[in-house]
Amino acid sequence: MSDDPYTIQPGRNRDAPTSLLGRLKSLGPGIVVSGSIVGSGEILLTAGLGAAAGFVLLWWVLLSCWLKSLIQAELARYVITTGDTYLRALNRMPGKFRPPPLIGWCKWCIRGLSGKPMERPTARWEPISWPIWLGLVGFVPGLLTSGGIIGGAGQALGLLIEPIFPDFGGRLATVLAAVIVMLLLWTGRYGRIEKLLIPMVIGFSVLTIFCAVLMQTTEYRATPTDLLAGLQFDFPLEHLALALGMYGATGVASSEIAAYTYWCVEKGYPSFVGGDRSDPGWVDRAKGWIRVVQIDVWVTLVVLTCATLAFYFLGAGVLHRIGVQPEGTETIGVLASMYTTTLGQWSWLLFILGAFFILFSTTLSGLGAGSRSFPDLLVTFGFIPRQNLALRQRWIKGYIIVMPLISALIYSAYASPITLVLFGATFGAFMLPVQAFVTLYMQRKRMDPRVRPKSSITACIWIVFGVMAALCAFYVYHRILPTLLG
């Protein structure tokens, strides 16, 4: 039974719906995560890869969409049946290291900011597992990605405001977007975020799919020859960096896999299952809510696949053929060519408006998830007590205030959304095999045998782990080692 009140709250046990309609009504976390899935990776990196490579990497785009959803579903299975948060699960991995003395002083300062007695910090703290230390290394690339995403939203917002206020540039619009994010996330309520993201994600995704279908009636259409060439498993190495970044950011990226577990907690799935495994109804409840999560993941997979292919087809069919590449402060304006070339000049405003909403929803979903995982990180390091939910909520609100502004400042210092997103996406690609391995270990060592996946699913996770690790090794061999060796 979990002792974490954040994940399992007593008295909220609930039988899972048994009908398909009932399960569909209980979905939600997948839609919230789609707010960050169908966003920066698709509109910036996937369209950018299509513009650079044409249709030749179609197979790679499909692989990027389909490879990671199994890890998303199976890690969520562990979280909702054990009551562990994502970071608490990572910290159960063997191979722990004690924090350096600096962490002790950080803890001392944080306790002071939280209104706690500032006793002298001790020299040694509980050891922390290696995946968490690895994740901390990715904190800076994650900040850069956040800056790129909110910068893209700011570019779109600036283009919308420009006819009214000509001097209202993209950087100032990015700050305005950051302020709007803070106001929307201030309540910290899952339900409000869910309601905000649903129309944003669905609306622009449907519009982009429609645009890609309409492209087939123009001179930019994808021919059978294009599609056949895109499924030949050809991989031009000159596009390796952008391709790996797109793989790391497209579909369910490593950050979204982690975020999904927190949204499952916010939805209440672990509480619905309950923490008392001796309860006669526990197994049935657990299996029932696992089925709900699986449907939620499948719905997310369908949405992200359709949206990702639409952006890639538009990038490869339109941008690649007219010979333009989105970059720098003109990124959103260039991407708008996918619409205007296909639908006509009248659709420029339609794309800019849609781009703002989809990138804004990515920012909203990503920062909302970060505001849950960051306090959990403080709990893991012992900075704040696990049982103090009020203090956790204060840190959630503090994160909501500070991080959007930091992201806006990053973009102001380096106004190139695709480059910024690429940094974090590349590191995220290296975290994916780690998450797959953690999932395998947790299911084997800590999950109740009655709710473990079938052996065939475990075998598939091992295959996915192997493919993910091989992709990372391939990138190291062809990109990192040559750079290091000169």
Protein backbone atom coordinates (compact mmCIF):
# COMPACT_ATOMS: atom_id res chain seq x y z
CA MET A 1 0.00 0.00 0.00
CA SER A 2 1.35 3.41 -1.00
CA ASP A 3 2.12 5.98 1.68
CA ASP A 4 2.09 8.87 -0.80
CA PRO A 5 -1.12 10.90 -0.31
CA TYR A 6 -0.55 12.64 -3.63
CA THR A 7 -1.14 9.47 -5.65
CA ILE A 8 -3.61 7.46 -3.55
CA GLN A 9 -6.20 9.31 -1.51
CA PRO A 10 -8.26 7.19 0.92
CA GLY A 11 -11.96 6.73 0.32
CA ARG A 12 -11.89 7.30 -3.43
CA ASN A 13 -12.07 3.66 -4.56
CA ARG A 14 -14.20 3.36 -7.67
CA ASP A 15 -15.09 0.44 -9.89
CA ALA A 16 -13.88 0.85 -13.45
CA PRO A 17 -16.47 1.19 -16.22
CA THR A 18 -17.09 -2.04 -18.11
CA SER A 19 -18.67 -0.71 -21.32
CA LEU A 20 -16.74 0.94 -24.15
CA LEU A 21 -18.80 4.11 -23.81
CA GLY A 22 -18.14 4.22 -20.06
CA ARG A 23 -14.41 3.81 -20.62
CA LEU A 24 -14.38 6.55 -23.24
CA LYS A 25 -16.08 8.90 -20.78
CA SER A 26 -13.31 8.17 -18.25
CA LEU A 27 -10.50 9.15 -20.61
CA GLY A 28 -8.61 12.41 -20.25
CA PRO A 29 -4.87 12.19 -19.51
CA GLY A 30 -4.13 11.26 -23.11
CA ILE A 31 -5.87 14.40 -24.35
CA VAL A 32 -3.85 16.55 -21.95
CA VAL A 33 -0.61 14.90 -23.05
CA SER A 34 -1.71 15.35 -26.68
CA GLY A 35 -1.54 19.05 -25.94
CA SER A 36 2.24 18.67 -25.81
CA ILE A 37 2.51 15.73 -28.23
CA VAL A 38 0.70 17.40 -31.12
CA GLY A 39 2.71 20.57 -30.99
CA SER A 40 6.37 21.49 -31.16
CA GLY A 41 7.60 18.14 -32.46
CA GLU A 42 5.08 18.11 -35.28
CA ILE A 43 4.81 21.74 -36.34
CA LEU A 44 8.51 22.54 -35.92
CA LEU A 45 10.63 19.38 -36.24
CA THR A 46 8.44 17.03 -38.30
CA ALA A 47 7.52 19.70 -40.86
CA GLY A 48 11.16 20.85 -40.76
CA LEU A 49 12.41 17.32 -41.47
CA GLY A 50 9.96 16.99 -44.35
CA ALA A 51 11.18 20.32 -45.74
CA ALA A 52 14.80 19.15 -45.52
CA ALA A 53 14.54 15.51 -46.63
CA GLY A 54 11.33 15.22 -48.63
CA PHE A 55 9.41 11.93 -48.41
CA VAL A 56 12.47 9.69 -48.02
CA LEU A 57 12.13 9.47 -44.21
CA LEU A 58 8.43 8.60 -44.09
CA TRP A 59 9.27 5.23 -42.50
CA TRP A 60 11.24 7.03 -39.79
CA VAL A 61 8.27 9.26 -38.97
CA LEU A 62 6.01 6.20 -38.58
CA LEU A 63 8.61 4.51 -36.35
CA SER A 64 8.82 7.65 -34.20
CA CYS A 65 5.05 7.63 -33.71
CA TRP A 66 4.56 3.95 -32.94
CA LEU A 67 7.64 2.94 -30.97
CA LYS A 68 6.98 4.71 -27.67
CA SER A 69 3.30 4.31 -26.82
CA LEU A 70 3.84 0.84 -25.34
CA ILE A 71 6.23 2.31 -22.76
CA GLN A 72 3.69 5.06 -22.02
CA ALA A 73 0.95 2.50 -21.30
CA GLU A 74 3.09 0.08 -19.30
CA LEU A 75 4.74 2.68 -17.11
CA ALA A 76 1.27 4.06 -16.38
CA ARG A 77 0.16 0.51 -15.46
CA TYR A 78 2.88 0.47 -12.81
CA VAL A 79 2.02 3.92 -11.44
CA ILE A 80 -1.74 3.42 -11.08
CA THR A 81 -1.36 0.02 -9.42
CA THR A 82 1.47 0.85 -6.99
CA GLY A 83 0.86 4.48 -6.02
CA ASP A 84 4.43 5.42 -6.89
CA THR A 85 4.94 8.67 -8.74
CA TYR A 86 7.21 8.64 -11.78
CA LEU A 87 10.22 9.98 -9.89
CA ARG A 88 9.62 7.71 -6.94
CA ALA A 89 9.68 4.77 -9.34
CA LEU A 90 12.97 5.97 -10.81
CA ASN A 91 14.43 6.28 -7.34
CA ARG A 92 13.68 2.60 -6.62
CA MET A 93 16.18 1.54 -9.28
CA PRO A 94 19.43 -0.03 -7.98
CA GLY A 95 22.57 2.02 -8.42
CA LYS A 96 22.30 5.00 -6.07
CA PHE A 97 24.69 7.86 -5.38
CA ARG A 98 24.76 10.33 -2.53
CA PRO A 99 24.16 13.99 -3.40
CA PRO A 100 27.16 16.34 -3.13
CA PRO A 101 27.34 18.69 -0.11
CA LEU A 102 25.92 21.51 -2.24
CA ILE A 103 22.56 19.70 -2.24
CA GLY A 104 22.47 19.97 1.53
CA TRP A 105 22.80 23.73 1.38
CA CYS A 106 20.12 23.88 -1.33
CA LYS A 107 17.83 21.91 0.95
CA TRP A 108 18.59 24.33 3.77
CA CYS A 109 17.62 27.30 1.56
CA ILE A 110 14.45 25.63 0.27
CA ARG A 111 13.28 24.83 3.76
CA GLY A 112 13.79 28.49 4.59
CA LEU A 113 11.73 29.58 1.59
CA SER A 114 9.03 27.15 2.70
CA GLY A 115 8.84 28.72 6.15
CA LYS A 116 10.53 25.78 7.93
CA PRO A 117 13.19 26.01 10.66
CA MET A 118 16.55 26.53 8.97
CA GLU A 119 18.63 24.08 10.94
CA ARG A 120 22.24 23.64 9.92
CA PRO A 121 22.43 21.35 6.87
CA THR A 122 23.98 17.95 7.39
CA ALA A 123 26.79 16.72 5.19
CA ARG A 124 25.15 13.50 3.93
CA TRP A 125 21.74 12.74 2.46
CA GLU A 126 19.97 9.67 1.28
CA PRO A 127 21.43 8.33 -1.99
CA ILE A 128 19.51 9.02 -5.21
CA SER A 129 19.17 6.55 -8.08
CA TRP A 130 21.09 7.07 -11.33
CA PRO A 131 18.08 7.69 -13.65
CA ILE A 132 17.18 10.78 -11.60
CA TRP A 133 20.73 12.11 -11.82
CA LEU A 134 20.61 11.50 -15.57
CA GLY A 135 17.30 13.35 -15.76
CA LEU A 136 18.83 16.30 -13.91
CA VAL A 137 21.49 16.52 -16.61
CA GLY A 138 18.63 17.05 -19.05
CA PHE A 139 17.16 19.94 -17.09
CA VAL A 140 19.01 22.57 -19.14
CA PRO A 141 18.12 21.02 -22.54
CA GLY A 142 14.54 20.86 -21.27
CA LEU A 143 14.61 24.57 -20.50
CA LEU A 144 15.90 25.28 -24.00
CA THR A 145 13.05 23.25 -25.48
CA SER A 146 10.54 25.14 -23.40
CA GLY A 147 12.05 28.39 -24.63
CA GLY A 148 11.75 27.26 -28.25
CA ILE A 149 8.14 26.20 -27.87
CA ILE A 150 6.94 29.34 -26.14
CA GLY A 151 9.03 31.36 -28.61
CA GLY A 152 7.20 29.71 -31.50
CA ALA A 153 3.89 30.56 -29.85
CA GLY A 154 5.17 34.10 -29.36
CA GLN A 155 6.11 34.39 -33.04
CA ALA A 156 2.59 33.37 -34.03
CA LEU A 157 1.03 35.73 -31.49
CA GLY A 158 3.25 38.57 -32.73
CA LEU A 159 2.11 37.99 -36.31
CA LEU A 160 -1.52 38.12 -35.14
CA ILE A 161 -0.99 41.37 -33.22
CA GLU A 162 1.26 43.04 -35.81
CA PRO A 163 -1.55 44.50 -37.99
CA ILE A 164 -2.90 46.35 -34.93
CA PHE A 165 0.39 47.14 -33.15
CA PRO A 166 3.20 47.13 -35.76
CA ASP A 167 5.94 47.54 -33.16
CA PHE A 168 4.73 44.58 -31.07
CA GLY A 169 7.52 42.13 -31.97
CA GLY A 170 7.83 38.39 -31.44
CA ARG A 171 9.93 38.71 -28.27
CA LEU A 172 7.38 40.94 -26.54
CA ALA A 173 4.59 38.66 -27.71
CA THR A 174 6.49 35.71 -26.19
CA VAL A 175 6.49 37.45 -22.80
CA LEU A 176 2.75 38.07 -23.20
CA ALA A 177 2.24 34.37 -23.98
CA ALA A 178 4.21 33.47 -20.83
CA VAL A 179 1.96 35.71 -18.72
CA ILE A 180 -1.17 34.08 -20.19
CA VAL A 181 0.23 30.63 -19.38
CA MET A 182 0.82 31.69 -15.77
CA LEU A 183 -2.74 32.94 -15.40
CA LEU A 184 -4.28 29.80 -16.88
CA LEU A 185 -2.18 27.41 -14.80
CA TRP A 186 -2.48 29.35 -11.57
CA THR A 187 -5.47 27.33 -10.35
CA GLY A 188 -3.47 24.10 -10.76
CA ARG A 189 -6.70 22.27 -11.60
CA TYR A 190 -6.48 19.27 -13.94
CA GLY A 191 -10.06 19.64 -15.19
CA ARG A 192 -9.58 23.20 -16.40
CA ILE A 193 -6.39 22.31 -18.26
CA GLU A 194 -8.15 19.36 -19.87
CA LYS A 195 -11.04 21.53 -21.08
CA LEU A 196 -8.66 24.12 -22.48
CA LEU A 197 -6.53 21.66 -24.42
CA ILE A 198 -9.23 19.53 -26.04
CA PRO A 199 -10.50 22.15 -28.53
CA MET A 200 -6.98 23.45 -29.19
CA VAL A 201 -5.55 20.03 -30.07
CA ILE A 202 -8.51 18.65 -31.98
CA GLY A 203 -9.23 21.84 -33.92
CA PHE A 204 -5.78 22.44 -35.34
CA SER A 205 -5.07 18.73 -35.86
CA VAL A 206 -8.24 18.28 -37.91
CA LEU A 207 -7.49 21.42 -39.90
CA THR A 208 -3.95 20.25 -40.68
CA ILE A 209 -5.14 16.79 -41.70
CA PHE A 210 -7.71 18.43 -43.98
CA CYS A 211 -4.96 20.59 -45.49
CA ALA A 212 -2.77 17.53 -46.12
CA VAL A 213 -5.66 15.73 -47.80
CA LEU A 214 -6.39 18.79 -49.94
CA MET A 215 -2.72 18.89 -50.93
CA GLN A 216 -3.38 15.71 -52.91
CA THR A 217 -5.49 17.74 -55.34
CA THR A 218 -2.59 20.08 -56.13
CA GLU A 219 0.75 19.85 -57.92
CA TYR A 220 2.37 19.19 -54.52
CA ARG A 221 0.61 15.88 -53.98
CA ALA A 222 2.44 12.81 -52.72
CA THR A 223 2.69 10.31 -55.56
CA PRO A 224 2.88 6.51 -55.20
CA THR A 225 6.56 6.82 -56.12
CA ASP A 226 7.08 9.24 -53.21
CA LEU A 227 5.37 6.90 -50.77
CA LEU A 228 7.32 3.88 -52.00
CA ALA A 229 10.59 5.79 -51.66
CA GLY A 230 9.60 6.82 -48.15
CA LEU A 231 9.18 3.19 -47.07
CA GLN A 232 12.57 1.93 -48.32
CA PHE A 233 14.36 2.42 -44.96
CA ASP A 234 16.82 4.81 -46.56
CA PHE A 235 18.53 7.14 -44.07
CA PRO A 236 20.51 10.11 -45.44
CA LEU A 237 23.09 10.83 -42.74
CA GLU A 238 23.11 14.55 -43.50
CA HIS A 239 19.70 14.70 -41.82
CA LEU A 240 20.71 12.60 -38.80
CA ALA A 241 20.65 15.40 -36.20
CA LEU A 242 17.22 16.70 -37.26
CA ALA A 243 15.87 13.15 -37.61
CA LEU A 244 16.96 12.11 -34.11
CA GLY A 245 15.54 15.34 -32.69
CA MET A 246 12.25 14.66 -34.44
CA TYR A 247 12.26 11.10 -33.08
CA GLY A 248 12.87 12.44 -29.59
CA ALA A 249 10.10 15.06 -29.84
CA THR A 250 7.50 13.37 -32.06
CA GLY A 251 4.79 11.16 -30.68
CA VAL A 252 5.08 10.34 -27.00
CA ALA A 253 8.47 11.81 -26.10
CA SER A 254 10.28 10.93 -22.87
CA SER A 255 8.91 14.05 -21.15
CA GLU A 256 5.36 13.16 -22.19
CA ILE A 257 5.77 9.59 -20.92
CA ALA A 258 6.69 11.04 -17.53
CA ALA A 259 3.98 13.71 -17.74
CA TYR A 260 1.33 11.12 -18.57
CA THR A 261 1.84 9.35 -15.26
CA TYR A 262 1.26 12.61 -13.34
CA TRP A 263 -1.90 13.38 -15.31
CA CYS A 264 -3.13 9.85 -14.47
CA VAL A 265 -2.61 10.75 -10.82
CA GLU A 266 -4.45 14.07 -11.29
CA LYS A 267 -7.31 12.22 -12.99
CA GLY A 268 -7.50 9.96 -9.93
CA TYR A 269 -6.74 6.53 -11.41
CA PRO A 270 -4.45 5.34 -8.55
CA SER A 271 -7.02 6.47 -5.98
CA PHE A 272 -9.78 4.69 -7.91
CA VAL A 273 -7.74 1.46 -7.73
CA GLY A 274 -6.88 1.96 -4.05
CA GLY A 275 -3.79 1.13 -2.05
CA ASP A 276 -5.05 -1.91 -0.10
CA ARG A 277 -4.04 -4.93 -2.18
CA SER A 278 -5.68 -7.29 0.30
CA ASP A 279 -9.08 -5.81 -0.61
CA PRO A 280 -11.06 -8.54 -2.47
CA GLY A 281 -12.03 -6.06 -5.18
CA TRP A 282 -8.55 -4.61 -5.69
CA VAL A 283 -7.49 -6.84 -8.59
CA ASP A 284 -10.72 -6.28 -10.55
CA ARG A 285 -10.51 -2.52 -10.02
CA ALA A 286 -6.85 -2.48 -11.05
CA LYS A 287 -7.44 -4.48 -14.23
CA GLY A 288 -10.47 -2.34 -15.07
CA TRP A 289 -8.60 0.95 -14.79
CA ILE A 290 -5.62 -0.51 -16.67
CA ARG A 291 -8.01 -1.13 -19.58
CA VAL A 292 -9.15 2.50 -19.39
CA VAL A 293 -5.53 3.66 -19.53
CA GLN A 294 -4.82 1.38 -22.49
CA ILE A 295 -7.75 2.84 -24.44
CA ASP A 296 -6.57 6.31 -23.49
CA VAL A 297 -3.12 5.52 -24.91
CA TRP A 298 -4.59 4.08 -28.13
CA VAL A 299 -6.70 7.20 -28.66
CA THR A 300 -3.60 9.33 -28.14
CA LEU A 301 -1.65 7.19 -30.62
CA VAL A 302 -4.30 7.60 -33.33
CA VAL A 303 -4.42 11.39 -32.82
CA LEU A 304 -0.66 11.84 -32.85
CA THR A 305 -0.11 9.55 -35.87
CA CYS A 306 -2.67 11.37 -38.02
CA ALA A 307 -1.39 14.81 -36.99
CA THR A 308 2.29 13.88 -37.38
CA LEU A 309 1.81 12.43 -40.86
CA ALA A 310 -0.16 15.51 -41.90
CA PHE A 311 2.66 17.85 -40.87
CA TYR A 312 5.30 15.65 -42.50
CA PHE A 313 3.35 15.40 -45.76
CA LEU A 314 2.90 19.17 -45.89
CA GLY A 315 6.57 19.77 -45.11
CA ALA A 316 7.78 17.22 -47.68
CA GLY A 317 5.16 18.01 -50.30
CA VAL A 318 5.14 21.80 -50.12
CA LEU A 319 8.19 23.22 -48.32
CA HIS A 320 10.70 20.72 -49.77
CA ARG A 321 9.44 21.28 -53.32
CA ILE A 322 9.46 25.07 -53.12
CA GLY A 323 12.91 24.92 -51.50
CA VAL A 324 12.36 26.73 -48.19
CA GLN A 325 13.47 25.72 -44.70
CA PRO A 326 11.86 27.11 -41.51
CA GLU A 327 14.45 28.70 -39.23
CA GLY A 328 15.15 31.66 -36.94
CA THR A 329 12.63 34.42 -36.37
CA GLU A 330 10.89 33.55 -39.65
CA THR A 331 10.05 29.98 -38.60
CA ILE A 332 6.29 30.36 -38.22
CA GLY A 333 5.99 32.60 -41.28
CA VAL A 334 7.75 30.01 -43.45
CA LEU A 335 5.67 27.17 -42.03
CA ALA A 336 2.55 29.12 -42.99
CA SER A 337 3.52 28.41 -46.61
CA MET A 338 2.24 24.86 -46.07
CA TYR A 339 -1.26 26.31 -45.83
CA THR A 340 -1.09 29.27 -48.23
CA THR A 341 0.47 27.22 -51.04
CA THR A 342 -2.20 24.56 -50.67
CA LEU A 343 -5.31 26.52 -49.71
CA GLY A 344 -4.52 30.00 -50.92
CA GLN A 345 -3.34 33.24 -49.35
CA TRP A 346 -6.56 33.58 -47.35
CA SER A 347 -5.45 30.66 -45.14
CA TRP A 348 -2.40 32.54 -43.79
CA LEU A 349 -4.36 33.87 -40.82
CA LEU A 350 -5.87 30.42 -40.29
CA PHE A 351 -2.43 28.82 -39.97
CA ILE A 352 -0.98 31.53 -37.74
CA LEU A 353 -3.96 31.28 -35.42
CA GLY A 354 -3.76 27.48 -35.38
CA ALA A 355 0.01 27.54 -34.86
CA PHE A 356 -0.41 29.80 -31.86
CA PHE A 357 -3.02 27.57 -30.28
CA ILE A 358 -1.12 24.33 -30.87
CA LEU A 359 2.22 25.70 -29.59
CA PHE A 360 0.50 27.48 -26.76
CA SER A 361 -1.25 24.25 -25.77
CA THR A 362 2.14 22.51 -25.84
CA THR A 363 3.50 25.15 -23.48
CA LEU A 364 0.45 24.86 -21.25
CA SER A 365 0.60 21.08 -21.05
CA GLY A 366 4.39 20.88 -20.67
CA LEU A 367 4.66 23.50 -17.93
CA GLY A 368 1.59 22.06 -16.22
CA ALA A 369 3.27 18.66 -16.08
CA GLY A 370 6.57 20.18 -14.98
CA SER A 371 4.82 21.91 -12.10
CA ARG A 372 3.85 18.43 -10.84
CA SER A 373 7.17 16.68 -11.40
CA PHE A 374 9.35 19.46 -9.94
CA PRO A 375 7.78 19.34 -6.44
CA ASP A 376 8.02 15.56 -6.66
CA LEU A 377 11.74 15.97 -7.33
CA LEU A 378 12.01 18.10 -4.18
CA VAL A 379 10.21 15.35 -2.27
CA THR A 380 12.58 12.73 -3.66
CA PHE A 381 15.64 14.70 -2.54
CA GLY A 382 14.07 15.26 0.86
CA PHE A 383 13.70 19.01 0.42
CA ILE A 384 10.00 18.90 1.36
CA PRO A 385 8.09 16.21 3.32
CA ARG A 386 6.14 13.70 1.24
CA GLN A 387 3.06 14.06 3.46
CA ASN A 388 2.89 17.87 3.24
CA LEU A 389 0.45 18.35 0.35
CA ALA A 390 -0.06 22.06 1.12
CA LEU A 391 3.65 22.73 0.71
CA ARG A 392 3.69 20.73 -2.52
CA GLN A 393 0.86 22.91 -3.84
CA ARG A 394 2.81 26.08 -3.02
CA TRP A 395 5.79 24.83 -4.99
CA ILE A 396 3.49 23.94 -7.89
CA LYS A 397 2.28 27.55 -7.99
CA GLY A 398 5.80 28.89 -7.63
CA TYR A 399 6.93 26.80 -10.61
CA ILE A 400 3.99 28.12 -12.64
CA ILE A 401 5.11 31.70 -11.99
CA VAL A 402 8.84 31.32 -12.58
CA MET A 403 9.26 28.82 -15.43
CA PRO A 404 7.19 30.55 -18.16
CA LEU A 405 9.24 33.72 -17.63
CA ILE A 406 12.54 31.82 -17.77
CA SER A 407 11.38 30.15 -21.00
CA ALA A 408 10.49 33.53 -22.50
CA LEU A 409 13.90 34.95 -21.52
CA ILE A 410 15.67 32.00 -23.18
CA TYR A 411 13.86 32.68 -26.44
CA SER A 412 14.60 36.40 -26.16
CA ALA A 413 18.31 35.56 -25.91
CA TYR A 414 18.26 33.10 -28.84
CA ALA A 415 15.26 33.48 -31.14
CA SER A 416 15.44 30.21 -33.09
CA PRO A 417 12.58 27.87 -32.04
CA ILE A 418 13.67 24.81 -34.04
CA THR A 419 17.26 24.92 -32.76
CA LEU A 420 16.11 25.33 -29.16
CA VAL A 421 13.60 22.48 -29.40
CA LEU A 422 16.22 20.29 -31.08
CA PHE A 423 18.55 20.44 -28.05
CA GLY A 424 16.00 19.06 -25.63
CA ALA A 425 14.54 16.61 -28.12
CA THR A 426 17.93 15.02 -28.74
CA PHE A 427 18.53 14.49 -25.03
CA GLY A 428 14.98 13.13 -24.73
CA ALA A 429 15.80 10.49 -27.33
CA PHE A 430 18.55 9.17 -25.03
CA MET A 431 16.13 9.02 -22.08
CA LEU A 432 13.69 6.74 -23.94
CA PRO A 433 15.66 3.46 -23.54
CA VAL A 434 16.19 4.36 -19.86
CA GLN A 435 12.42 4.62 -19.38
CA ALA A 436 11.89 1.32 -21.16
CA PHE A 437 14.45 -0.38 -18.90
CA VAL A 438 12.92 1.17 -15.77
CA THR A 439 9.50 -0.11 -16.86
CA LEU A 440 10.82 -3.65 -17.27
CA TYR A 441 12.59 -3.58 -13.91
CA MET A 442 9.64 -2.16 -11.98
CA GLN A 443 7.17 -4.62 -13.46
CA ARG A 444 9.46 -7.53 -12.66
CA LYS A 445 10.54 -6.51 -9.16
CA ARG A 446 7.81 -4.33 -7.64
CA MET A 447 4.49 -4.89 -9.40
CA ASP A 448 1.83 -7.20 -8.00
CA PRO A 449 2.02 -10.41 -10.11
CA ARG A 450 -1.77 -10.41 -10.48
CA VAL A 451 -1.71 -7.26 -12.62
CA ARG A 452 1.54 -7.71 -14.53
CA PRO A 453 1.34 -7.64 -18.33
CA LYS A 454 1.32 -10.83 -20.36
CA SER A 455 4.68 -12.33 -21.29
CA SER A 456 4.08 -11.34 -24.93
CA ILE A 457 3.80 -7.67 -23.91
CA THR A 458 6.97 -7.94 -21.81
CA ALA A 459 8.75 -9.40 -24.84
CA CYS A 460 7.57 -6.44 -26.92
CA ILE A 461 8.93 -4.03 -24.29
CA TRP A 462 12.31 -5.75 -24.53
CA ILE A 463 12.24 -5.37 -28.33
CA VAL A 464 11.33 -1.69 -28.02
CA PHE A 465 14.15 -1.22 -25.50
CA GLY A 466 16.61 -2.85 -27.91
CA VAL A 467 15.52 -0.69 -30.84
CA MET A 468 15.68 2.51 -28.75
CA ALA A 469 19.15 1.65 -27.45
CA ALA A 470 20.35 0.78 -30.96
CA LEU A 471 19.12 4.13 -32.31
CA CYS A 472 21.03 5.99 -29.60
CA ALA A 473 24.18 3.96 -30.29
CA PHE A 474 23.80 4.68 -34.01
CA TYR A 475 23.68 8.42 -33.31
CA VAL A 476 26.69 8.29 -30.99
CA TYR A 477 28.72 6.37 -33.58
CA HIS A 478 27.85 8.58 -36.55
CA ARG A 479 27.52 11.99 -34.91
CA ILE A 480 29.07 12.31 -31.46
CA LEU A 481 32.22 10.19 -31.85
CA PRO A 482 33.34 11.85 -35.12
CA THR A 483 32.87 15.24 -33.45
CA LEU A 484 34.89 14.23 -30.38
CA LEU A 485 37.64 12.62 -32.46
CA GLY A 486 37.90 15.66 -34.70
